[in-house]
All heavy atoms as atom14 arrays in JSON, in Angstrom:
{
  "sequence": "DAIRAVHPQVLAVTGAHQYEQVVEAVHTHAPPSQGPFVDLIPQPD",
  "atom14_mask": [
    [1, 1, 1, 1, 1, 1, 1, 1, 0, 0, 0, 0, 0, 0],
    [1, 1, 1, 1, 1, 0, 0, 0, 0, 0, 0, 0, 0, 0],
    [1, 1, 1, 1, 1, 1, 1, 1, 0, 0, 0, 0, 0, 0],
    [1, 1, 1, 1, 1, 1, 1, 1, 1, 1, 1, 0, 0, 0],
    [1, 1, 1, 1, 1, 0, 0, 0, 0, 0, 0, 0, 0, 0],
    [1, 1, 1, 1, 1, 1, 1, 0, 0, 0, 0, 0, 0, 0],
    [1, 1, 1, 1, 1, 1, 1, 1, 1, 1, 0, 0, 0, 0],
    [1, 1, 1, 1, 1, 1, 1, 0, 0, 0, 0, 0, 0, 0],
    [1, 1, 1, 1, 1, 1, 1, 1, 1, 0, 0, 0, 0, 0],
    [1, 1, 1, 1, 1, 1, 1, 0, 0, 0, 0, 0, 0, 0],
    [1, 1, 1, 1, 1, 1, 1, 1, 0, 0, 0, 0, 0, 0],
    [1, 1, 1, 1, 1, 0, 0, 0, 0, 0, 0, 0, 0, 0],
    [1, 1, 1, 1, 1, 1, 1, 0, 0, 0, 0, 0, 0, 0],
    [1, 1, 1, 1, 1, 1, 1, 0, 0, 0, 0, 0, 0, 0],
    [1, 1, 1, 1, 0, 0, 0, 0, 0, 0, 0, 0, 0, 0],
    [1, 1, 1, 1, 1, 0, 0, 0, 0, 0, 0, 0, 0, 0],
    [1, 1, 1, 1, 1, 1, 1, 1, 1, 1, 0, 0, 0, 0],
    [1, 1, 1, 1, 1, 1, 1, 1, 1, 0, 0, 0, 0, 0],
    [1, 1, 1, 1, 1, 1, 1, 1, 1, 1, 1, 1, 0, 0],
    [1, 1, 1, 1, 1, 1, 1, 1, 1, 0, 0, 0, 0, 0],
    [1, 1, 1, 1, 1, 1, 1, 1, 1, 0, 0, 0, 0, 0],
    [1, 1, 1, 1, 1, 1, 1, 0, 0, 0, 0, 0, 0, 0],
    [1, 1, 1, 1, 1, 1, 1, 0, 0, 0, 0, 0, 0, 0],
    [1, 1, 1, 1, 1, 1, 1, 1, 1, 0, 0, 0, 0, 0],
    [1, 1, 1, 1, 1, 0, 0, 0, 0, 0, 0, 0, 0, 0],
    [1, 1, 1, 1, 1, 1, 1, 0, 0, 0, 0, 0, 0, 0],
    [1, 1, 1, 1, 1, 1, 1, 1, 1, 1, 0, 0, 0, 0],
    [1, 1, 1, 1, 1, 1, 1, 0, 0, 0, 0, 0, 0, 0],
    [1, 1, 1, 1, 1, 1, 1, 1, 1, 1, 0, 0, 0, 0],
    [1, 1, 1, 1, 1, 0, 0, 0, 0, 0, 0, 0, 0, 0],
    [1, 1, 1, 1, 1, 1, 1, 0, 0, 0, 0, 0, 0, 0],
    [1, 1, 1, 1, 1, 1, 1, 0, 0, 0, 0, 0, 0, 0],
    [1, 1, 1, 1, 1, 1, 0, 0, 0, 0, 0, 0, 0, 0],
    [1, 1, 1, 1, 1, 1, 1, 1, 1, 0, 0, 0, 0, 0],
    [1, 1, 1, 1, 0, 0, 0, 0, 0, 0, 0, 0, 0, 0],
    [1, 1, 1, 1, 1, 1, 1, 0, 0, 0, 0, 0, 0, 0],
    [1, 1, 1, 1, 1, 1, 1, 1, 1, 1, 1, 0, 0, 0],
    [1, 1, 1, 1, 1, 1, 1, 0, 0, 0, 0, 0, 0, 0],
    [1, 1, 1, 1, 1, 1, 1, 1, 0, 0, 0, 0, 0, 0],
    [1, 1, 1, 1, 1, 1, 1, 1, 0, 0, 0, 0, 0, 0],
    [1, 1, 1, 1, 1, 1, 1, 1, 0, 0, 0, 0, 0, 0],
    [1, 1, 1, 1, 1, 1, 1, 0, 0, 0, 0, 0, 0, 0],
    [1, 1, 1, 1, 1, 1, 1, 1, 1, 0, 0, 0, 0, 0],
    [1, 1, 1, 1, 1, 1, 1, 0, 0, 0, 0, 0, 0, 0],
    [1, 1, 1, 1, 1, 1, 1, 1, 0, 0, 0, 0, 0, 0]
  ],
  "atom14_positions": [
    [[0.83, -1.21, 0.0], [0.0, 0.0, 0.0], [0.86, 1.26, 0.0], [0.55, 2.23, -0.7], [-0.94, 0.01, 1.21], [-2.03, -1.05, 1.12], [-2.24, -1.57, 0.01], [-2.63, -1.38, 2.16], [0.0, 0.0, 0.0], [0.0, 0.0, 0.0], [0.0, 0.0, 0.0], [0.0, 0.0, 0.0], [0.0, 0.0, 0.0], [0.0, 0.0, 0.0]],
    [[1.96, 1.23, 0.78], [2.85, 2.38, 0.83], [3.52, 2.62, -0.52], [3.71, 3.76, -0.95], [3.9, 2.17, 1.92], [0.0, 0.0, 0.0], [0.0, 0.0, 0.0], [0.0, 0.0, 0.0], [0.0, 0.0, 0.0], [0.0, 0.0, 0.0], [0.0, 0.0, 0.0], [0.0, 0.0, 0.0], [0.0, 0.0, 0.0], [0.0, 0.0, 0.0]],
    [[3.87, 1.53, -1.2], [4.5, 1.66, -2.52], [3.5, 2.22, -3.53], [3.8, 3.15, -4.27], [5.03, 0.29, -2.99], [6.2, -0.14, -2.1], [5.46, 0.34, -4.46], [6.66, -1.57, -2.33], [0.0, 0.0, 0.0], [0.0, 0.0, 0.0], [0.0, 0.0, 0.0], [0.0, 0.0, 0.0], [0.0, 0.0, 0.0], [0.0, 0.0, 0.0]],
    [[2.29, 1.65, -3.52], [1.28, 2.11, -4.49], [0.82, 3.54, -4.21], [0.38, 4.25, -5.13], [0.09, 1.15, -4.49], [0.44, -0.23, -5.06], [-0.8, -1.09, -5.22], [-0.48, -2.43, -5.65], [-0.2, -2.79, -6.9], [-0.2, -1.86, -7.84], [0.06, -4.04, -7.2], [0.0, 0.0, 0.0], [0.0, 0.0, 0.0], [0.0, 0.0, 0.0]],
    [[0.91, 3.97, -2.94], [0.53, 5.34, -2.62], [1.45, 6.34, -3.31], [1.03, 7.43, -3.71], [0.55, 5.55, -1.11], [0.0, 0.0, 0.0], [0.0, 0.0, 0.0], [0.0, 0.0, 0.0], [0.0, 0.0, 0.0], [0.0, 0.0, 0.0], [0.0, 0.0, 0.0], [0.0, 0.0, 0.0], [0.0, 0.0, 0.0], [0.0, 0.0, 0.0]],
    [[2.72, 5.97, -3.44], [3.7, 6.85, -4.09], [3.77, 6.57, -5.59], [3.89, 7.5, -6.4], [5.09, 6.67, -3.45], [6.14, 7.56, -4.14], [5.04, 6.97, -1.96], [0.0, 0.0, 0.0], [0.0, 0.0, 0.0], [0.0, 0.0, 0.0], [0.0, 0.0, 0.0], [0.0, 0.0, 0.0], [0.0, 0.0, 0.0], [0.0, 0.0, 0.0]],
    [[3.7, 5.29, -5.95], [3.85, 4.9, -7.35], [2.68, 3.99, -7.76], [2.82, 2.77, -7.85], [5.17, 4.16, -7.56], [6.38, 4.96, -7.23], [6.7, 6.14, -7.89], [7.37, 4.77, -6.32], [7.82, 6.63, -7.4], [8.24, 5.83, -6.44], [0.0, 0.0, 0.0], [0.0, 0.0, 0.0], [0.0, 0.0, 0.0], [0.0, 0.0, 0.0]],
    [[1.5, 4.57, -8.0], [0.33, 3.74, -8.35], [0.5, 3.02, -9.69], [-0.25, 2.09, -9.97], [-0.81, 4.76, -8.41], [-0.14, 6.1, -8.63], [1.17, 6.01, -7.92], [0.0, 0.0, 0.0], [0.0, 0.0, 0.0], [0.0, 0.0, 0.0], [0.0, 0.0, 0.0], [0.0, 0.0, 0.0], [0.0, 0.0, 0.0], [0.0, 0.0, 0.0]],
    [[1.51, 3.4, -10.48], [1.67, 2.8, -11.81], [2.3, 1.41, -11.77], [2.32, 0.72, -12.79], [2.56, 3.69, -12.7], [2.18, 5.15, -12.72], [3.02, 5.96, -11.74], [3.13, 5.6, -10.56], [3.6, 7.06, -12.22], [0.0, 0.0, 0.0], [0.0, 0.0, 0.0], [0.0, 0.0, 0.0], [0.0, 0.0, 0.0], [0.0, 0.0, 0.0]],
    [[2.87, 0.98, -10.62], [3.57, -0.31, -10.61], [2.61, -1.42, -11.02], [1.43, -1.42, -10.66], [4.21, -0.61, -9.24], [5.3, 0.4, -8.93], [3.18, -0.68, -8.14], [0.0, 0.0, 0.0], [0.0, 0.0, 0.0], [0.0, 0.0, 0.0], [0.0, 0.0, 0.0], [0.0, 0.0, 0.0], [0.0, 0.0, 0.0], [0.0, 0.0, 0.0]],
    [[3.14, -2.39, -11.77], [2.3, -3.46, -12.3], [1.95, -4.5, -11.24], [0.86, -5.07, -11.26], [3.05, -4.15, -13.46], [3.42, -3.25, -14.65], [4.24, -4.04, -15.65], [2.17, -2.68, -15.29], [0.0, 0.0, 0.0], [0.0, 0.0, 0.0], [0.0, 0.0, 0.0], [0.0, 0.0, 0.0], [0.0, 0.0, 0.0], [0.0, 0.0, 0.0]],
    [[2.89, -4.77, -10.34], [2.66, -5.78, -9.3], [3.66, -5.56, -8.18], [4.73, -5.0, -8.39], [2.8, -7.2, -9.88], [0.0, 0.0, 0.0], [0.0, 0.0, 0.0], [0.0, 0.0, 0.0], [0.0, 0.0, 0.0], [0.0, 0.0, 0.0], [0.0, 0.0, 0.0], [0.0, 0.0, 0.0], [0.0, 0.0, 0.0], [0.0, 0.0, 0.0]],
    [[3.28, -6.03, -6.97], [4.16, -5.93, -5.8], [4.16, -7.28, -5.1], [3.09, -7.82, -4.79], [3.69, -4.83, -4.82], [4.64, -4.76, -3.63], [3.6, -3.47, -5.5], [0.0, 0.0, 0.0], [0.0, 0.0, 0.0], [0.0, 0.0, 0.0], [0.0, 0.0, 0.0], [0.0, 0.0, 0.0], [0.0, 0.0, 0.0], [0.0, 0.0, 0.0]],
    [[5.35, -7.84, -4.86], [5.47, -9.09, -4.11], [6.49, -8.9, -2.99], [7.32, -8.0, -3.04], [5.91, -10.26, -5.0], [7.27, -10.08, -5.38], [5.05, -10.35, -6.25], [0.0, 0.0, 0.0], [0.0, 0.0, 0.0], [0.0, 0.0, 0.0], [0.0, 0.0, 0.0], [0.0, 0.0, 0.0], [0.0, 0.0, 0.0], [0.0, 0.0, 0.0]],
    [[6.45, -9.77, -1.99], [7.33, -9.64, -0.84], [8.66, -10.34, -1.01], [8.99, -10.84, -2.09], [0.0, 0.0, 0.0], [0.0, 0.0, 0.0], [0.0, 0.0, 0.0], [0.0, 0.0, 0.0], [0.0, 0.0, 0.0], [0.0, 0.0, 0.0], [0.0, 0.0, 0.0], [0.0, 0.0, 0.0], [0.0, 0.0, 0.0], [0.0, 0.0, 0.0]],
    [[9.42, -10.38, 0.07], [10.77, -10.94, 0.06], [10.75, -12.43, -0.28], [9.88, -13.17, 0.18], [11.44, -10.72, 1.41], [0.0, 0.0, 0.0], [0.0, 0.0, 0.0], [0.0, 0.0, 0.0], [0.0, 0.0, 0.0], [0.0, 0.0, 0.0], [0.0, 0.0, 0.0], [0.0, 0.0, 0.0], [0.0, 0.0, 0.0], [0.0, 0.0, 0.0]],
    [[11.72, -12.86, -1.06], [11.95, -14.25, -1.51], [10.67, -14.97, -1.94], [10.51, -16.17, -1.72], [12.75, -15.07, -0.49], [12.16, -15.2, 0.89], [11.3, -16.19, 1.23], [12.34, -14.46, 2.0], [10.95, -16.06, 2.5], [11.58, -15.03, 2.99], [0.0, 0.0, 0.0], [0.0, 0.0, 0.0], [0.0, 0.0, 0.0], [0.0, 0.0, 0.0]],
    [[9.73, -14.23, -2.56], [8.52, -14.85, -3.11], [8.75, -15.12, -4.6], [8.19, -14.46, -5.47], [7.3, -13.95, -2.87], [6.95, -13.8, -1.4], [5.73, -12.92, -1.17], [5.25, -12.23, -2.07], [5.21, -12.94, 0.05], [0.0, 0.0, 0.0], [0.0, 0.0, 0.0], [0.0, 0.0, 0.0], [0.0, 0.0, 0.0], [0.0, 0.0, 0.0]],
    [[9.61, -16.11, -4.86], [10.06, -16.35, -6.23], [8.9, -16.69, -7.17], [8.82, -16.17, -8.29], [11.08, -17.48, -6.26], [12.21, -17.33, -5.27], [12.53, -18.34, -4.36], [12.97, -16.16, -5.24], [13.56, -18.19, -3.46], [14.01, -16.01, -4.33], [14.29, -17.03, -3.44], [15.31, -16.87, -2.54], [0.0, 0.0, 0.0], [0.0, 0.0, 0.0]],
    [[8.0, -17.54, -6.72], [6.9, -17.96, -7.59], [6.02, -16.78, -7.98], [5.63, -16.64, -9.14], [6.05, -19.03, -6.88], [6.8, -20.29, -6.5], [7.26, -21.09, -7.71], [6.67, -20.9, -8.8], [8.2, -21.88, -7.58], [0.0, 0.0, 0.0], [0.0, 0.0, 0.0], [0.0, 0.0, 0.0], [0.0, 0.0, 0.0], [0.0, 0.0, 0.0]],
    [[5.72, -15.92, -7.0], [4.85, -14.78, -7.29], [5.5, -13.79, -8.24], [4.84, -13.21, -9.11], [4.46, -14.07, -5.98], [3.55, -14.88, -5.07], [4.33, -15.74, -4.07], [5.4, -16.25, -4.4], [3.8, -15.88, -2.87], [0.0, 0.0, 0.0], [0.0, 0.0, 0.0], [0.0, 0.0, 0.0], [0.0, 0.0, 0.0], [0.0, 0.0, 0.0]],
    [[6.81, -13.61, -8.1], [7.51, -12.7, -9.0], [7.48, -13.23, -10.42], [7.15, -12.5, -11.38], [8.98, -12.5, -8.56], [9.72, -11.62, -9.55], [9.06, -11.9, -7.18], [0.0, 0.0, 0.0], [0.0, 0.0, 0.0], [0.0, 0.0, 0.0], [0.0, 0.0, 0.0], [0.0, 0.0, 0.0], [0.0, 0.0, 0.0], [0.0, 0.0, 0.0]],
    [[7.81, -14.49, -10.6], [7.82, -15.1, -11.94], [6.42, -15.05, -12.55], [6.25, -14.75, -13.74], [8.34, -16.55, -11.86], [8.15, -17.27, -13.19], [9.81, -16.55, -11.46], [0.0, 0.0, 0.0], [0.0, 0.0, 0.0], [0.0, 0.0, 0.0], [0.0, 0.0, 0.0], [0.0, 0.0, 0.0], [0.0, 0.0, 0.0], [0.0, 0.0, 0.0]],
    [[5.41, -15.32, -11.71], [4.03, -15.27, -12.2], [3.66, -13.87, -12.67], [3.0, -13.69, -13.7], [3.08, -15.72, -11.08], [1.62, -15.82, -11.51], [0.73, -16.31, -10.38], [1.21, -17.09, -9.53], [-0.44, -15.89, -10.34], [0.0, 0.0, 0.0], [0.0, 0.0, 0.0], [0.0, 0.0, 0.0], [0.0, 0.0, 0.0], [0.0, 0.0, 0.0]],
    [[4.1, -12.85, -11.92], [3.81, -11.46, -12.31], [4.5, -11.12, -13.63], [3.91, -10.43, -14.48], [4.27, -10.5, -11.2], [0.0, 0.0, 0.0], [0.0, 0.0, 0.0], [0.0, 0.0, 0.0], [0.0, 0.0, 0.0], [0.0, 0.0, 0.0], [0.0, 0.0, 0.0], [0.0, 0.0, 0.0], [0.0, 0.0, 0.0], [0.0, 0.0, 0.0]],
    [[5.73, -11.59, -13.82], [6.42, -11.34, -15.09], [5.68, -12.02, -16.23], [5.47, -11.43, -17.3], [7.88, -11.82, -15.01], [8.55, -11.74, -16.38], [8.67, -10.98, -13.99], [0.0, 0.0, 0.0], [0.0, 0.0, 0.0], [0.0, 0.0, 0.0], [0.0, 0.0, 0.0], [0.0, 0.0, 0.0], [0.0, 0.0, 0.0], [0.0, 0.0, 0.0]],
    [[5.26, -13.26, -16.01], [4.51, -13.98, -17.05], [3.23, -13.24, -17.42], [2.82, -13.22, -18.58], [4.17, -15.39, -16.56], [5.32, -16.34, -16.61], [5.18, -17.71, -16.48], [6.64, -16.14, -16.79], [6.35, -18.3, -16.57], [7.27, -17.35, -16.75], [0.0, 0.0, 0.0], [0.0, 0.0, 0.0], [0.0, 0.0, 0.0], [0.0, 0.0, 0.0]],
    [[2.6, -12.63, -16.44], [1.34, -11.93, -16.68], [1.56, -10.66, -17.5], [0.81, -10.38, -18.46], [0.66, -11.57, -15.34], [0.37, -12.77, -14.63], [-0.62, -10.78, -15.56], [0.0, 0.0, 0.0], [0.0, 0.0, 0.0], [0.0, 0.0, 0.0], [0.0, 0.0, 0.0], [0.0, 0.0, 0.0], [0.0, 0.0, 0.0], [0.0, 0.0, 0.0]],
    [[2.57, -9.89, -17.12], [2.75, -8.56, -17.73], [3.73, -8.53, -18.89], [3.77, -7.55, -19.64], [3.18, -7.57, -16.64], [2.14, -7.37, -15.59], [1.0, -6.63, -15.79], [2.05, -7.86, -14.31], [0.26, -6.64, -14.69], [0.87, -7.38, -13.77], [0.0, 0.0, 0.0], [0.0, 0.0, 0.0], [0.0, 0.0, 0.0], [0.0, 0.0, 0.0]],
    [[4.5, -9.61, -19.07], [5.39, -9.74, -20.24], [5.47, -11.22, -20.58], [6.48, -11.88, -20.33], [6.77, -9.17, -19.94], [0.0, 0.0, 0.0], [0.0, 0.0, 0.0], [0.0, 0.0, 0.0], [0.0, 0.0, 0.0], [0.0, 0.0, 0.0], [0.0, 0.0, 0.0], [0.0, 0.0, 0.0], [0.0, 0.0, 0.0], [0.0, 0.0, 0.0]],
    [[4.4, -11.78, -21.15], [4.36, -13.22, -21.41], [5.57, -13.67, -22.23], [5.97, -12.98, -23.17], [3.06, -13.4, -22.19], [2.22, -12.22, -21.81], [3.18, -11.1, -21.61], [0.0, 0.0, 0.0], [0.0, 0.0, 0.0], [0.0, 0.0, 0.0], [0.0, 0.0, 0.0], [0.0, 0.0, 0.0], [0.0, 0.0, 0.0], [0.0, 0.0, 0.0]],
    [[6.17, -14.81, -21.85], [7.35, -15.27, -22.6], [7.0, -15.55, -24.05], [5.96, -16.16, -24.35], [7.76, -16.55, -21.85], [6.53, -16.99, -21.12], [5.77, -15.73, -20.79], [0.0, 0.0, 0.0], [0.0, 0.0, 0.0], [0.0, 0.0, 0.0], [0.0, 0.0, 0.0], [0.0, 0.0, 0.0], [0.0, 0.0, 0.0], [0.0, 0.0, 0.0]],
    [[7.85, -15.07, -24.94], [7.56, -15.2, -26.37], [8.03, -16.53, -26.93], [7.56, -16.96, -27.98], [8.23, -14.05, -27.14], [9.6, -13.95, -26.8], [0.0, 0.0, 0.0], [0.0, 0.0, 0.0], [0.0, 0.0, 0.0], [0.0, 0.0, 0.0], [0.0, 0.0, 0.0], [0.0, 0.0, 0.0], [0.0, 0.0, 0.0], [0.0, 0.0, 0.0]],
    [[8.97, -17.17, -26.25], [9.51, -18.43, -26.77], [9.12, -19.63, -25.9], [9.04, -20.74, -26.4], [11.04, -18.35, -26.84], [11.52, -17.28, -27.82], [13.03, -17.28, -27.92], [13.71, -18.02, -27.24], [13.57, -16.44, -28.79], [0.0, 0.0, 0.0], [0.0, 0.0, 0.0], [0.0, 0.0, 0.0], [0.0, 0.0, 0.0], [0.0, 0.0, 0.0]],
    [[8.91, -19.4, -24.64], [8.6, -20.5, -23.75], [9.84, -21.23, -23.32], [10.91, -21.05, -23.89], [0.0, 0.0, 0.0], [0.0, 0.0, 0.0], [0.0, 0.0, 0.0], [0.0, 0.0, 0.0], [0.0, 0.0, 0.0], [0.0, 0.0, 0.0], [0.0, 0.0, 0.0], [0.0, 0.0, 0.0], [0.0, 0.0, 0.0], [0.0, 0.0, 0.0]],
    [[9.73, -22.06, -22.29], [10.89, -22.81, -21.83], [11.32, -23.86, -22.83], [10.6, -24.17, -23.77], [10.39, -23.44, -20.52], [8.91, -23.54, -20.71], [8.51, -22.36, -21.55], [0.0, 0.0, 0.0], [0.0, 0.0, 0.0], [0.0, 0.0, 0.0], [0.0, 0.0, 0.0], [0.0, 0.0, 0.0], [0.0, 0.0, 0.0], [0.0, 0.0, 0.0]],
    [[12.49, -24.4, -22.63], [13.03, -25.52, -23.4], [13.4, -25.14, -24.84], [13.66, -26.01, -25.66], [12.07, -26.72, -23.42], [11.45, -27.01, -22.1], [10.07, -27.0, -21.94], [12.24, -27.24, -20.98], [9.5, -27.25, -20.71], [11.67, -27.5, -19.75], [10.29, -27.5, -19.62], [0.0, 0.0, 0.0], [0.0, 0.0, 0.0], [0.0, 0.0, 0.0]],
    [[13.4, -23.83, -25.16], [13.85, -23.44, -26.49], [15.32, -23.82, -26.66], [15.73, -24.37, -27.66], [13.65, -21.92, -26.7], [14.36, -21.45, -27.96], [12.16, -21.61, -26.81], [0.0, 0.0, 0.0], [0.0, 0.0, 0.0], [0.0, 0.0, 0.0], [0.0, 0.0, 0.0], [0.0, 0.0, 0.0], [0.0, 0.0, 0.0], [0.0, 0.0, 0.0]],
    [[16.1, -23.49, -25.64], [17.52, -23.86, -25.63], [17.68, -25.03, -24.69], [17.55, -24.89, -23.48], [18.36, -22.67, -25.15], [19.85, -22.94, -25.26], [20.2, -24.1, -25.53], [20.63, -22.0, -25.07], [0.0, 0.0, 0.0], [0.0, 0.0, 0.0], [0.0, 0.0, 0.0], [0.0, 0.0, 0.0], [0.0, 0.0, 0.0], [0.0, 0.0, 0.0]],
    [[17.95, -26.2, -25.24], [18.01, -27.41, -24.42], [19.38, -27.64, -23.81], [19.58, -28.59, -23.07], [17.61, -28.63, -25.27], [16.16, -28.61, -25.78], [15.89, -29.84, -26.63], [15.18, -28.52, -24.64], [0.0, 0.0, 0.0], [0.0, 0.0, 0.0], [0.0, 0.0, 0.0], [0.0, 0.0, 0.0], [0.0, 0.0, 0.0], [0.0, 0.0, 0.0]],
    [[20.34, -26.75, -24.11], [21.65, -26.86, -23.48], [21.55, -26.3, -22.07], [21.14, -25.16, -21.88], [22.72, -26.08, -24.28], [22.82, -26.64, -25.7], [24.07, -26.14, -23.57], [23.73, -25.84, -26.59], [0.0, 0.0, 0.0], [0.0, 0.0, 0.0], [0.0, 0.0, 0.0], [0.0, 0.0, 0.0], [0.0, 0.0, 0.0], [0.0, 0.0, 0.0]],
    [[21.89, -27.08, -21.03], [21.78, -26.57, -19.66], [22.6, -25.3, -19.47], [23.72, -25.2, -19.95], [22.33, -27.73, -18.81], [22.22, -28.93, -19.68], [22.41, -28.45, -21.08], [0.0, 0.0, 0.0], [0.0, 0.0, 0.0], [0.0, 0.0, 0.0], [0.0, 0.0, 0.0], [0.0, 0.0, 0.0], [0.0, 0.0, 0.0], [0.0, 0.0, 0.0]],
    [[22.02, -24.35, -18.77], [22.69, -23.09, -18.52], [23.06, -22.99, -17.04], [22.32, -23.46, -16.18], [21.76, -21.92, -18.86], [21.37, -21.85, -20.32], [22.52, -21.41, -21.2], [23.31, -20.57, -20.81], [22.61, -21.98, -22.38], [0.0, 0.0, 0.0], [0.0, 0.0, 0.0], [0.0, 0.0, 0.0], [0.0, 0.0, 0.0], [0.0, 0.0, 0.0]],
    [[24.21, -22.38, -16.72], [24.55, -22.19, -15.31], [23.62, -21.17, -14.66], [22.98, -20.37, -15.35], [25.99, -21.65, -15.38], [26.09, -21.0, -16.72], [25.22, -21.82, -17.63], [0.0, 0.0, 0.0], [0.0, 0.0, 0.0], [0.0, 0.0, 0.0], [0.0, 0.0, 0.0], [0.0, 0.0, 0.0], [0.0, 0.0, 0.0], [0.0, 0.0, 0.0]],
    [[23.53, -21.22, -13.35], [22.73, -20.23, -12.64], [23.29, -18.83, -12.91], [24.5, -18.65, -13.1], [22.75, -20.5, -11.14], [22.0, -21.78, -10.78], [21.26, -22.28, -11.64], [22.17, -22.26, -9.65], [0.0, 0.0, 0.0], [0.0, 0.0, 0.0], [0.0, 0.0, 0.0], [0.0, 0.0, 0.0], [0.0, 0.0, 0.0], [0.0, 0.0, 0.0]]
  ]
}
């Protein structure tokens, strides 16, 4: 609420280490154009 009071334009707000919610918000507001498994070579973290 404090963030939206100053910046009502933000697309989504999630809390600390809420990885699933962050990824879900990105998928919602910038849907992946290629999807997973496009590059099947394992990538390092």
